PDB file of all heavy atoms in Angstrom:
ATOM      1  N   LYS A   1     -16.013 -26.815 -21.263  1.00  0.00           N
ATOM      2  CA  LYS A   1     -14.935 -26.529 -22.213  1.00  0.00           C
ATOM      3  C   LYS A   1     -14.864 -25.048 -22.468  1.00  0.00           C
ATOM      4  O   LYS A   1     -15.858 -24.366 -22.684  1.00  0.00           O
ATOM      5  CB  LYS A   1     -15.256 -27.246 -23.529  1.00  0.00           C
ATOM      6  CG  LYS A   1     -14.234 -26.981 -24.623  1.00  0.00           C
ATOM      7  CD  LYS A   1     -14.642 -27.768 -25.902  1.00  0.00           C
ATOM      8  CE  LYS A   1     -13.647 -27.559 -26.973  1.00  0.00           C
ATOM      9  NZ  LYS A   1     -14.045 -28.264 -28.199  1.00  0.00           N
ATOM     10  N   GLN A   2     -13.643 -24.508 -22.371  1.00  0.00           N
ATOM     11  CA  GLN A   2     -13.414 -23.086 -22.707  1.00  0.00           C
ATOM     12  C   GLN A   2     -13.350 -22.908 -24.186  1.00  0.00           C
ATOM     13  O   GLN A   2     -12.543 -23.557 -24.838  1.00  0.00           O
ATOM     14  CB  GLN A   2     -12.163 -22.553 -22.031  1.00  0.00           C
ATOM     15  CG  GLN A   2     -11.963 -21.083 -22.252  1.00  0.00           C
ATOM     16  CD  GLN A   2     -10.747 -20.505 -21.540  1.00  0.00           C
ATOM     17  OE1 GLN A   2     -10.201 -21.144 -20.693  1.00  0.00           O
ATOM     18  NE2 GLN A   2     -10.369 -19.314 -21.912  1.00  0.00           N
ATOM     19  N   VAL A   3     -14.197 -22.039 -24.760  1.00  0.00           N
ATOM     20  CA  VAL A   3     -14.251 -21.891 -26.204  1.00  0.00           C
ATOM     21  C   VAL A   3     -13.870 -20.557 -26.676  1.00  0.00           C
ATOM     22  O   VAL A   3     -13.660 -20.326 -27.885  1.00  0.00           O
ATOM     23  CB  VAL A   3     -15.676 -22.258 -26.781  1.00  0.00           C
ATOM     24  CG1 VAL A   3     -15.947 -23.710 -26.574  1.00  0.00           C
ATOM     25  CG2 VAL A   3     -16.715 -21.406 -26.122  1.00  0.00           C
ATOM     26  N   ARG A   4     -13.729 -19.560 -25.761  1.00  0.00           N
ATOM     27  CA  ARG A   4     -13.346 -18.230 -26.142  1.00  0.00           C
ATOM     28  C   ARG A   4     -12.224 -17.744 -25.251  1.00  0.00           C
ATOM     29  O   ARG A   4     -12.098 -18.198 -24.111  1.00  0.00           O
ATOM     30  CB  ARG A   4     -14.505 -17.236 -26.081  1.00  0.00           C
ATOM     31  CG  ARG A   4     -15.577 -17.620 -27.114  1.00  0.00           C
ATOM     32  CD  ARG A   4     -16.589 -16.541 -27.337  1.00  0.00           C
ATOM     33  NE  ARG A   4     -15.950 -15.328 -27.921  1.00  0.00           N
ATOM     34  CZ  ARG A   4     -16.478 -14.153 -27.831  1.00  0.00           C
ATOM     35  NH1 ARG A   4     -17.686 -13.993 -27.240  1.00  0.00           N
ATOM     36  NH2 ARG A   4     -15.916 -13.121 -28.357  1.00  0.00           N
ATOM     37  N   SER A   5     -11.475 -16.797 -25.698  1.00  0.00           N
ATOM     38  CA  SER A   5     -10.298 -16.297 -24.968  1.00  0.00           C
ATOM     39  C   SER A   5     -10.687 -15.484 -23.735  1.00  0.00           C
ATOM     40  O   SER A   5     -11.748 -14.846 -23.683  1.00  0.00           O
ATOM     41  CB  SER A   5      -9.471 -15.396 -25.894  1.00  0.00           C
ATOM     42  OG  SER A   5      -8.400 -14.786 -25.203  1.00  0.00           O
ATOM     43  N   ARG A   6      -9.826 -15.509 -22.739  1.00  0.00           N
ATOM     44  CA  ARG A   6      -9.993 -14.716 -21.523  1.00  0.00           C
ATOM     45  C   ARG A   6      -9.396 -13.345 -21.656  1.00  0.00           C
ATOM     46  O   ARG A   6      -9.534 -12.533 -20.741  1.00  0.00           O
ATOM     47  CB  ARG A   6      -9.404 -15.442 -20.346  1.00  0.00           C
ATOM     48  CG  ARG A   6      -7.927 -15.654 -20.481  1.00  0.00           C
ATOM     49  CD  ARG A   6      -7.335 -16.635 -19.482  1.00  0.00           C
ATOM     50  NE  ARG A   6      -7.406 -16.105 -18.143  1.00  0.00           N
ATOM     51  CZ  ARG A   6      -7.579 -16.872 -17.084  1.00  0.00           C
ATOM     52  NH1 ARG A   6      -7.710 -18.173 -17.189  1.00  0.00           N
ATOM     53  NH2 ARG A   6      -7.646 -16.356 -15.891  1.00  0.00           N
ATOM     54  N   ASN A   7      -8.711 -13.026 -22.781  1.00  0.00           N
ATOM     55  CA  ASN A   7      -8.065 -11.740 -22.975  1.00  0.00           C
ATOM     56  C   ASN A   7      -9.144 -10.665 -23.009  1.00  0.00           C
ATOM     57  O   ASN A   7     -10.213 -10.813 -23.591  1.00  0.00           O
ATOM     58  CB  ASN A   7      -7.300 -11.680 -24.258  1.00  0.00           C
ATOM     59  CG  ASN A   7      -6.074 -12.554 -24.242  1.00  0.00           C
ATOM     60  OD1 ASN A   7      -5.658 -12.989 -23.190  1.00  0.00           O
ATOM     61  ND2 ASN A   7      -5.490 -12.851 -25.391  1.00  0.00           N
ATOM     62  N   ASN A   8      -8.802  -9.498 -22.411  1.00  0.00           N
ATOM     63  CA  ASN A   8      -9.682  -8.290 -22.400  1.00  0.00           C
ATOM     64  C   ASN A   8     -10.982  -8.583 -21.657  1.00  0.00           C
ATOM     65  O   ASN A   8     -12.005  -7.974 -21.975  1.00  0.00           O
ATOM     66  CB  ASN A   8      -9.950  -7.808 -23.800  1.00  0.00           C
ATOM     67  CG  ASN A   8      -8.686  -7.380 -24.479  1.00  0.00           C
ATOM     68  OD1 ASN A   8      -7.786  -6.842 -23.881  1.00  0.00           O
ATOM     69  ND2 ASN A   8      -8.616  -7.659 -25.798  1.00  0.00           N
ATOM     70  N   ARG A   9     -10.985  -9.472 -20.711  1.00  0.00           N
ATOM     71  CA  ARG A   9     -12.180  -9.763 -19.888  1.00  0.00           C
ATOM     72  C   ARG A   9     -11.971  -9.178 -18.504  1.00  0.00           C
ATOM     73  O   ARG A   9     -10.806  -9.028 -18.037  1.00  0.00           O
ATOM     74  CB  ARG A   9     -12.437 -11.262 -19.737  1.00  0.00           C
ATOM     75  CG  ARG A   9     -12.576 -12.003 -21.045  1.00  0.00           C
ATOM     76  CD  ARG A   9     -13.799 -11.546 -21.794  1.00  0.00           C
ATOM     77  NE  ARG A   9     -13.798 -12.188 -23.122  1.00  0.00           N
ATOM     78  CZ  ARG A   9     -14.698 -11.891 -24.055  1.00  0.00           C
ATOM     79  NH1 ARG A   9     -15.593 -10.969 -23.860  1.00  0.00           N
ATOM     80  NH2 ARG A   9     -14.611 -12.534 -25.205  1.00  0.00           N
ATOM     81  N   PRO A  10     -13.021  -8.831 -17.776  1.00  0.00           N
ATOM     82  CA  PRO A  10     -12.901  -8.316 -16.443  1.00  0.00           C
ATOM     83  C   PRO A  10     -12.228  -9.360 -15.515  1.00  0.00           C
ATOM     84  O   PRO A  10     -12.328 -10.543 -15.714  1.00  0.00           O
ATOM     85  CB  PRO A  10     -14.329  -8.073 -15.995  1.00  0.00           C
ATOM     86  CG  PRO A  10     -15.128  -7.978 -17.237  1.00  0.00           C
ATOM     87  CD  PRO A  10     -14.399  -8.865 -18.223  1.00  0.00           C
ATOM     88  N   ILE A  11     -11.572  -8.818 -14.471  1.00  0.00           N
ATOM     89  CA  ILE A  11     -10.787  -9.665 -13.543  1.00  0.00           C
ATOM     90  C   ILE A  11     -11.705 -10.722 -12.886  1.00  0.00           C
ATOM     91  O   ILE A  11     -11.250 -11.882 -12.626  1.00  0.00           O
ATOM     92  CB  ILE A  11     -10.040  -8.815 -12.526  1.00  0.00           C
ATOM     93  CG1 ILE A  11      -9.034  -9.678 -11.728  1.00  0.00           C
ATOM     94  CG2 ILE A  11     -10.988  -8.065 -11.593  1.00  0.00           C
ATOM     95  CD1 ILE A  11      -7.896 -10.192 -12.519  1.00  0.00           C
ATOM     96  N   ASP A  12     -12.949 -10.414 -12.587  1.00  0.00           N
ATOM     97  CA  ASP A  12     -13.791 -11.377 -11.962  1.00  0.00           C
ATOM     98  C   ASP A  12     -14.108 -12.556 -12.831  1.00  0.00           C
ATOM     99  O   ASP A  12     -14.208 -13.706 -12.375  1.00  0.00           O
ATOM    100  CB  ASP A  12     -15.109 -10.722 -11.433  1.00  0.00           C
ATOM    101  CG  ASP A  12     -15.916 -10.079 -12.489  1.00  0.00           C
ATOM    102  OD1 ASP A  12     -15.295  -9.586 -13.486  1.00  0.00           O
ATOM    103  OD2 ASP A  12     -17.170 -10.063 -12.392  1.00  0.00           O
ATOM    104  N   GLN A  13     -14.204 -12.346 -14.143  1.00  0.00           N
ATOM    105  CA  GLN A  13     -14.434 -13.433 -15.051  1.00  0.00           C
ATOM    106  C   GLN A  13     -13.154 -14.271 -15.191  1.00  0.00           C
ATOM    107  O   GLN A  13     -13.241 -15.545 -15.303  1.00  0.00           O
ATOM    108  CB  GLN A  13     -14.839 -12.918 -16.436  1.00  0.00           C
ATOM    109  CG  GLN A  13     -16.237 -12.313 -16.397  1.00  0.00           C
ATOM    110  CD  GLN A  13     -16.662 -11.733 -17.721  1.00  0.00           C
ATOM    111  OE1 GLN A  13     -15.985 -11.954 -18.766  1.00  0.00           O
ATOM    112  NE2 GLN A  13     -17.777 -11.011 -17.748  1.00  0.00           N
ATOM    113  N   LYS A  14     -12.021 -13.645 -15.205  1.00  0.00           N
ATOM    114  CA  LYS A  14     -10.731 -14.393 -15.244  1.00  0.00           C
ATOM    115  C   LYS A  14     -10.597 -15.276 -14.001  1.00  0.00           C
ATOM    116  O   LYS A  14     -10.183 -16.442 -14.088  1.00  0.00           O
ATOM    117  CB  LYS A  14      -9.542 -13.467 -15.367  1.00  0.00           C
ATOM    118  CG  LYS A  14      -9.450 -12.757 -16.697  1.00  0.00           C
ATOM    119  CD  LYS A  14      -8.281 -11.810 -16.727  1.00  0.00           C
ATOM    120  CE  LYS A  14      -8.235 -11.073 -18.011  1.00  0.00           C
ATOM    121  NZ  LYS A  14      -7.064 -10.164 -18.127  1.00  0.00           N
ATOM    122  N   ARG A  15     -10.950 -14.759 -12.851  1.00  0.00           N
ATOM    123  CA  ARG A  15     -10.877 -15.532 -11.606  1.00  0.00           C
ATOM    124  C   ARG A  15     -11.901 -16.689 -11.575  1.00  0.00           C
ATOM    125  O   ARG A  15     -11.563 -17.721 -11.077  1.00  0.00           O
ATOM    126  CB  ARG A  15     -11.106 -14.579 -10.397  1.00  0.00           C
ATOM    127  CG  ARG A  15      -9.915 -13.678 -10.164  1.00  0.00           C
ATOM    128  CD  ARG A  15     -10.155 -12.792  -8.986  1.00  0.00           C
ATOM    129  NE  ARG A  15      -8.973 -11.926  -8.765  1.00  0.00           N
ATOM    130  CZ  ARG A  15      -9.036 -10.759  -8.102  1.00  0.00           C
ATOM    131  NH1 ARG A  15     -10.170 -10.361  -7.584  1.00  0.00           N
ATOM    132  NH2 ARG A  15      -7.940 -10.091  -7.937  1.00  0.00           N
ATOM    133  N   THR A  16     -13.051 -16.448 -12.194  1.00  0.00           N
ATOM    134  CA  THR A  16     -14.006 -17.491 -12.260  1.00  0.00           C
ATOM    135  C   THR A  16     -13.477 -18.644 -13.150  1.00  0.00           C
ATOM    136  O   THR A  16     -13.638 -19.825 -12.832  1.00  0.00           O
ATOM    137  CB  THR A  16     -15.369 -16.984 -12.816  1.00  0.00           C
ATOM    138  OG1 THR A  16     -15.829 -15.934 -11.988  1.00  0.00           O
ATOM    139  CG2 THR A  16     -16.394 -18.088 -12.870  1.00  0.00           C
ATOM    140  N   LEU A  17     -12.881 -18.276 -14.256  1.00  0.00           N
ATOM    141  CA  LEU A  17     -12.281 -19.325 -15.138  1.00  0.00           C
ATOM    142  C   LEU A  17     -11.162 -20.088 -14.402  1.00  0.00           C
ATOM    143  O   LEU A  17     -11.078 -21.325 -14.500  1.00  0.00           O
ATOM    144  CB  LEU A  17     -11.696 -18.718 -16.411  1.00  0.00           C
ATOM    145  CG  LEU A  17     -12.738 -18.218 -17.450  1.00  0.00           C
ATOM    146  CD1 LEU A  17     -12.046 -17.464 -18.552  1.00  0.00           C
ATOM    147  CD2 LEU A  17     -13.526 -19.403 -17.997  1.00  0.00           C
ATOM    148  N   ASP A  18     -10.371 -19.377 -13.584  1.00  0.00           N
ATOM    149  CA  ASP A  18      -9.309 -20.004 -12.806  1.00  0.00           C
ATOM    150  C   ASP A  18      -9.919 -20.967 -11.834  1.00  0.00           C
ATOM    151  O   ASP A  18      -9.396 -22.097 -11.644  1.00  0.00           O
ATOM    152  CB  ASP A  18      -8.504 -18.964 -12.048  1.00  0.00           C
ATOM    153  CG  ASP A  18      -7.603 -18.173 -12.970  1.00  0.00           C
ATOM    154  OD1 ASP A  18      -7.334 -18.619 -14.074  1.00  0.00           O
ATOM    155  OD2 ASP A  18      -7.166 -17.064 -12.532  1.00  0.00           O
ATOM    156  N   SER A  19     -11.013 -20.609 -11.147  1.00  0.00           N
ATOM    157  CA  SER A  19     -11.575 -21.491 -10.160  1.00  0.00           C
ATOM    158  C   SER A  19     -12.273 -22.697 -10.796  1.00  0.00           C
ATOM    159  O   SER A  19     -12.398 -23.718 -10.137  1.00  0.00           O
ATOM    160  CB  SER A  19     -12.569 -20.724  -9.270  1.00  0.00           C
ATOM    161  OG  SER A  19     -13.657 -20.240 -10.054  1.00  0.00           O
ATOM    162  N   LEU A  20     -12.695 -22.541 -12.049  1.00  0.00           N
ATOM    163  CA  LEU A  20     -13.197 -23.694 -12.804  1.00  0.00           C
ATOM    164  C   LEU A  20     -12.071 -24.612 -13.278  1.00  0.00           C
ATOM    165  O   LEU A  20     -12.359 -25.720 -13.667  1.00  0.00           O
ATOM    166  CB  LEU A  20     -14.019 -23.219 -14.001  1.00  0.00           C
ATOM    167  CG  LEU A  20     -15.399 -22.578 -13.697  1.00  0.00           C
ATOM    168  CD1 LEU A  20     -15.967 -21.994 -14.957  1.00  0.00           C
ATOM    169  CD2 LEU A  20     -16.330 -23.615 -13.103  1.00  0.00           C
ATOM    170  N   GLY A  21     -10.850 -24.111 -13.282  1.00  0.00           N
ATOM    171  CA  GLY A  21      -9.726 -24.919 -13.743  1.00  0.00           C
ATOM    172  C   GLY A  21      -9.431 -24.759 -15.242  1.00  0.00           C
ATOM    173  O   GLY A  21      -8.738 -25.567 -15.835  1.00  0.00           O
ATOM    174  N   LEU A  22      -9.987 -23.656 -15.822  1.00  0.00           N
ATOM    175  CA  LEU A  22      -9.832 -23.425 -17.269  1.00  0.00           C
ATOM    176  C   LEU A  22      -8.762 -22.301 -17.429  1.00  0.00           C
ATOM    177  O   LEU A  22      -8.893 -21.243 -16.872  1.00  0.00           O
ATOM    178  CB  LEU A  22     -11.137 -22.982 -17.850  1.00  0.00           C
ATOM    179  CG  LEU A  22     -12.214 -24.064 -17.793  1.00  0.00           C
ATOM    180  CD1 LEU A  22     -13.577 -23.494 -18.217  1.00  0.00           C
ATOM    181  CD2 LEU A  22     -11.875 -25.239 -18.654  1.00  0.00           C
ATOM    182  N   ASN A  23      -7.760 -22.593 -18.264  1.00  0.00           N
ATOM    183  CA  ASN A  23      -6.734 -21.577 -18.500  1.00  0.00           C
ATOM    184  C   ASN A  23      -6.286 -21.462 -19.948  1.00  0.00           C
ATOM    185  O   ASN A  23      -5.405 -20.730 -20.257  1.00  0.00           O
ATOM    186  CB  ASN A  23      -5.480 -21.861 -17.589  1.00  0.00           C
ATOM    187  CG  ASN A  23      -4.971 -23.272 -17.778  1.00  0.00           C
ATOM    188  OD1 ASN A  23      -5.338 -23.964 -18.733  1.00  0.00           O
ATOM    189  ND2 ASN A  23      -4.109 -23.676 -16.896  1.00  0.00           N
ATOM    190  N   ARG A  24      -6.918 -22.197 -20.842  1.00  0.00           N
ATOM    191  CA  ARG A  24      -6.641 -22.077 -22.273  1.00  0.00           C
ATOM    192  C   ARG A  24      -7.858 -22.514 -23.089  1.00  0.00           C
ATOM    193  O   ARG A  24      -8.661 -23.299 -22.580  1.00  0.00           O
ATOM    194  CB  ARG A  24      -5.379 -22.811 -22.658  1.00  0.00           C
ATOM    195  CG  ARG A  24      -5.442 -24.294 -22.503  1.00  0.00           C
ATOM    196  CD  ARG A  24      -4.158 -24.939 -22.977  1.00  0.00           C
ATOM    197  NE  ARG A  24      -4.289 -26.399 -22.996  1.00  0.00           N
ATOM    198  CZ  ARG A  24      -3.973 -27.148 -21.949  1.00  0.00           C
ATOM    199  NH1 ARG A  24      -3.520 -26.636 -20.842  1.00  0.00           N
ATOM    200  NH2 ARG A  24      -4.135 -28.452 -22.021  1.00  0.00           N
ATOM    201  N   ILE A  25      -7.929 -22.088 -24.331  1.00  0.00           N
ATOM    202  CA  ILE A  25      -8.999 -22.438 -25.184  1.00  0.00           C
ATOM    203  C   ILE A  25      -8.937 -23.933 -25.513  1.00  0.00           C
ATOM    204  O   ILE A  25      -7.880 -24.522 -25.673  1.00  0.00           O
ATOM    205  CB  ILE A  25      -8.958 -21.599 -26.472  1.00  0.00           C
ATOM    206  CG1 ILE A  25      -9.179 -20.122 -26.112  1.00  0.00           C
ATOM    207  CG2 ILE A  25     -10.032 -22.044 -27.501  1.00  0.00           C
ATOM    208  CD1 ILE A  25      -9.054 -19.192 -27.298  1.00  0.00           C
ATOM    209  N   ASN A  26     -10.122 -24.568 -25.587  1.00  0.00           N
ATOM    210  CA  ASN A  26     -10.349 -25.967 -25.876  1.00  0.00           C
ATOM    211  C   ASN A  26      -9.954 -26.898 -24.698  1.00  0.00           C
ATOM    212  O   ASN A  26      -9.952 -28.105 -24.898  1.00  0.00           O
ATOM    213  CB  ASN A  26      -9.581 -26.421 -27.130  1.00  0.00           C
ATOM    214  CG  ASN A  26     -10.206 -25.833 -28.387  1.00  0.00           C
ATOM    215  OD1 ASN A  26     -11.423 -25.621 -28.421  1.00  0.00           O
ATOM    216  ND2 ASN A  26      -9.403 -25.516 -29.337  1.00  0.00           N
ATOM    217  N   LYS A  27      -9.649 -26.381 -23.570  1.00  0.00           N
ATOM    218  CA  LYS A  27      -9.393 -27.228 -22.384  1.00  0.00           C
ATOM    219  C   LYS A  27     -10.762 -27.661 -21.837  1.00  0.00           C
ATOM    220  O   LYS A  27     -11.678 -26.889 -21.744  1.00  0.00           O
ATOM    221  CB  LYS A  27      -8.595 -26.502 -21.318  1.00  0.00           C
ATOM    222  CG  LYS A  27      -8.293 -27.383 -20.141  1.00  0.00           C
ATOM    223  CD  LYS A  27      -7.275 -26.782 -19.205  1.00  0.00           C
ATOM    224  CE  LYS A  27      -6.978 -27.778 -18.141  1.00  0.00           C
ATOM    225  NZ  LYS A  27      -6.028 -27.251 -17.198  1.00  0.00           N
ATOM    226  N   VAL A  28     -10.837 -28.943 -21.462  1.00  0.00           N
ATOM    227  CA  VAL A  28     -12.069 -29.516 -20.937  1.00  0.00           C
ATOM    228  C   VAL A  28     -11.760 -29.989 -19.502  1.00  0.00           C
ATOM    229  O   VAL A  28     -10.747 -30.663 -19.271  1.00  0.00           O
ATOM    230  CB  VAL A  28     -12.570 -30.670 -21.768  1.00  0.00           C
ATOM    231  CG1 VAL A  28     -13.808 -31.312 -21.182  1.00  0.00           C
ATOM    232  CG2 VAL A  28     -12.843 -30.227 -23.212  1.00  0.00           C
ATOM    233  N   VAL A  29     -12.668 -29.633 -18.563  1.00  0.00           N
ATOM    234  CA  VAL A  29     -12.517 -30.103 -17.182  1.00  0.00           C
ATOM    235  C   VAL A  29     -13.856 -30.757 -16.773  1.00  0.00           C
ATOM    236  O   VAL A  29     -14.894 -30.402 -17.317  1.00  0.00           O
ATOM    237  CB  VAL A  29     -12.188 -29.013 -16.238  1.00  0.00           C
ATOM    238  CG1 VAL A  29     -10.792 -28.424 -16.483  1.00  0.00           C
ATOM    239  CG2 VAL A  29     -13.198 -27.874 -16.237  1.00  0.00           C
ATOM    240  N   GLU A  30     -13.758 -31.724 -15.888  1.00  0.00           N
ATOM    241  CA  GLU A  30     -14.948 -32.391 -15.390  1.00  0.00           C
ATOM    242  C   GLU A  30     -15.085 -32.086 -13.899  1.00  0.00           C
ATOM    243  O   GLU A  30     -14.172 -32.288 -13.131  1.00  0.00           O
ATOM    244  CB  GLU A  30     -14.818 -33.897 -15.593  1.00  0.00           C
ATOM    245  CG  GLU A  30     -16.077 -34.655 -15.290  1.00  0.00           C
ATOM    246  CD  GLU A  30     -16.019 -36.123 -15.759  1.00  0.00           C
ATOM    247  OE1 GLU A  30     -14.973 -36.531 -16.331  1.00  0.00           O
ATOM    248  OE2 GLU A  30     -17.019 -36.838 -15.512  1.00  0.00           O
ATOM    249  N   ARG A  31     -16.270 -31.531 -13.559  1.00  0.00           N
ATOM    250  CA  ARG A  31     -16.515 -31.136 -12.177  1.00  0.00           C
ATOM    251  C   ARG A  31     -17.882 -31.713 -11.716  1.00  0.00           C
ATOM    252  O   ARG A  31     -18.730 -32.067 -12.489  1.00  0.00           O
ATOM    253  CB  ARG A  31     -16.632 -29.614 -12.071  1.00  0.00           C
ATOM    254  CG  ARG A  31     -15.362 -28.876 -12.507  1.00  0.00           C
ATOM    255  CD  ARG A  31     -14.388 -28.868 -11.399  1.00  0.00           C
ATOM    256  NE  ARG A  31     -13.196 -28.132 -11.740  1.00  0.00           N
ATOM    257  CZ  ARG A  31     -12.019 -28.620 -11.791  1.00  0.00           C
ATOM    258  NH1 ARG A  31     -11.781 -29.890 -11.506  1.00  0.00           N
ATOM    259  NH2 ARG A  31     -10.971 -27.895 -12.122  1.00  0.00           N
ATOM    260  N   GLU A  32     -18.007 -31.789 -10.394  1.00  0.00           N
ATOM    261  CA  GLU A  32     -19.282 -32.207  -9.816  1.00  0.00           C
ATOM    262  C   GLU A  32     -20.339 -31.146 -10.090  1.00  0.00           C
ATOM    263  O   GLU A  32     -20.063 -29.938  -9.932  1.00  0.00           O
ATOM    264  CB  GLU A  32     -19.135 -32.421  -8.306  1.00  0.00           C
ATOM    265  CG  GLU A  32     -19.426 -33.857  -7.900  1.00  0.00           C
ATOM    266  CD  GLU A  32     -19.280 -33.989  -6.434  1.00  0.00           C
ATOM    267  OE1 GLU A  32     -20.175 -33.501  -5.686  1.00  0.00           O
ATOM    268  OE2 GLU A  32     -18.308 -34.642  -6.030  1.00  0.00           O
ATOM    269  N   ASP A  33     -21.523 -31.578 -10.473  1.00  0.00           N
ATOM    270  CA  ASP A  33     -22.615 -30.633 -10.791  1.00  0.00           C
ATOM    271  C   ASP A  33     -23.273 -30.155  -9.501  1.00  0.00           C
ATOM    272  O   ASP A  33     -24.037 -30.902  -8.854  1.00  0.00           O
ATOM    273  CB  ASP A  33     -23.627 -31.315 -11.686  1.00  0.00           C
ATOM    274  CG  ASP A  33     -24.606 -30.347 -12.266  1.00  0.00           C
ATOM    275  OD1 ASP A  33     -24.451 -29.110 -12.097  1.00  0.00           O
ATOM    276  OD2 ASP A  33     -25.542 -30.832 -12.894  1.00  0.00           O
ATOM    277  N   THR A  34     -22.980 -28.928  -9.110  1.00  0.00           N
ATOM    278  CA  THR A  34     -23.573 -28.313  -7.903  1.00  0.00           C
ATOM    279  C   THR A  34     -24.168 -26.963  -8.288  1.00  0.00           C
ATOM    280  O   THR A  34     -23.826 -26.386  -9.322  1.00  0.00           O
ATOM    281  CB  THR A  34     -22.486 -28.138  -6.821  1.00  0.00           C
ATOM    282  OG1 THR A  34     -21.523 -27.173  -7.300  1.00  0.00           O
ATOM    283  CG2 THR A  34     -21.827 -29.434  -6.456  1.00  0.00           C
ATOM    284  N   PRO A  35     -25.038 -26.392  -7.431  1.00  0.00           N
ATOM    285  CA  PRO A  35     -25.568 -25.096  -7.711  1.00  0.00           C
ATOM    286  C   PRO A  35     -24.477 -23.985  -7.788  1.00  0.00           C
ATOM    287  O   PRO A  35     -24.598 -23.051  -8.596  1.00  0.00           O
ATOM    288  CB  PRO A  35     -26.495 -24.839  -6.520  1.00  0.00           C
ATOM    289  CG  PRO A  35     -26.903 -26.199  -6.068  1.00  0.00           C
ATOM    290  CD  PRO A  35     -25.690 -27.064  -6.297  1.00  0.00           C
ATOM    291  N   THR A  36     -23.452 -24.122  -6.988  1.00  0.00           N
ATOM    292  CA  THR A  36     -22.359 -23.168  -7.035  1.00  0.00           C
ATOM    293  C   THR A  36     -21.667 -23.232  -8.388  1.00  0.00           C
ATOM    294  O   THR A  36     -21.329 -22.163  -8.963  1.00  0.00           O
ATOM    295  CB  THR A  36     -21.340 -23.463  -5.918  1.00  0.00           C
ATOM    296  OG1 THR A  36     -22.016 -23.474  -4.654  1.00  0.00           O
ATOM    297  CG2 THR A  36     -20.236 -22.450  -5.908  1.00  0.00           C
ATOM    298  N   LEU A  37     -21.389 -24.396  -8.865  1.00  0.00           N
ATOM    299  CA  LEU A  37     -20.737 -24.551 -10.170  1.00  0.00           C
ATOM    300  C   LEU A  37     -21.625 -23.998 -11.298  1.00  0.00           C
ATOM    301  O   LEU A  37     -21.134 -23.318 -12.204  1.00  0.00           O
ATOM    302  CB  LEU A  37     -20.455 -26.027 -10.453  1.00  0.00           C
ATOM    303  CG  LEU A  37     -19.741 -26.299 -11.749  1.00  0.00           C
ATOM    304  CD1 LEU A  37     -18.296 -25.950 -11.659  1.00  0.00           C
ATOM    305  CD2 LEU A  37     -19.925 -27.716 -12.176  1.00  0.00           C
TER     306      LEU A  37
END
């Protein structure tokens, strides 16, 4: 679950949130638990 804003964060952290499928606060995604994740 994303709990804090992505505003004013470095681009690599924004891209990481994108790859996790998170784009707004309080959004919850379910992913397979892997070492990469």
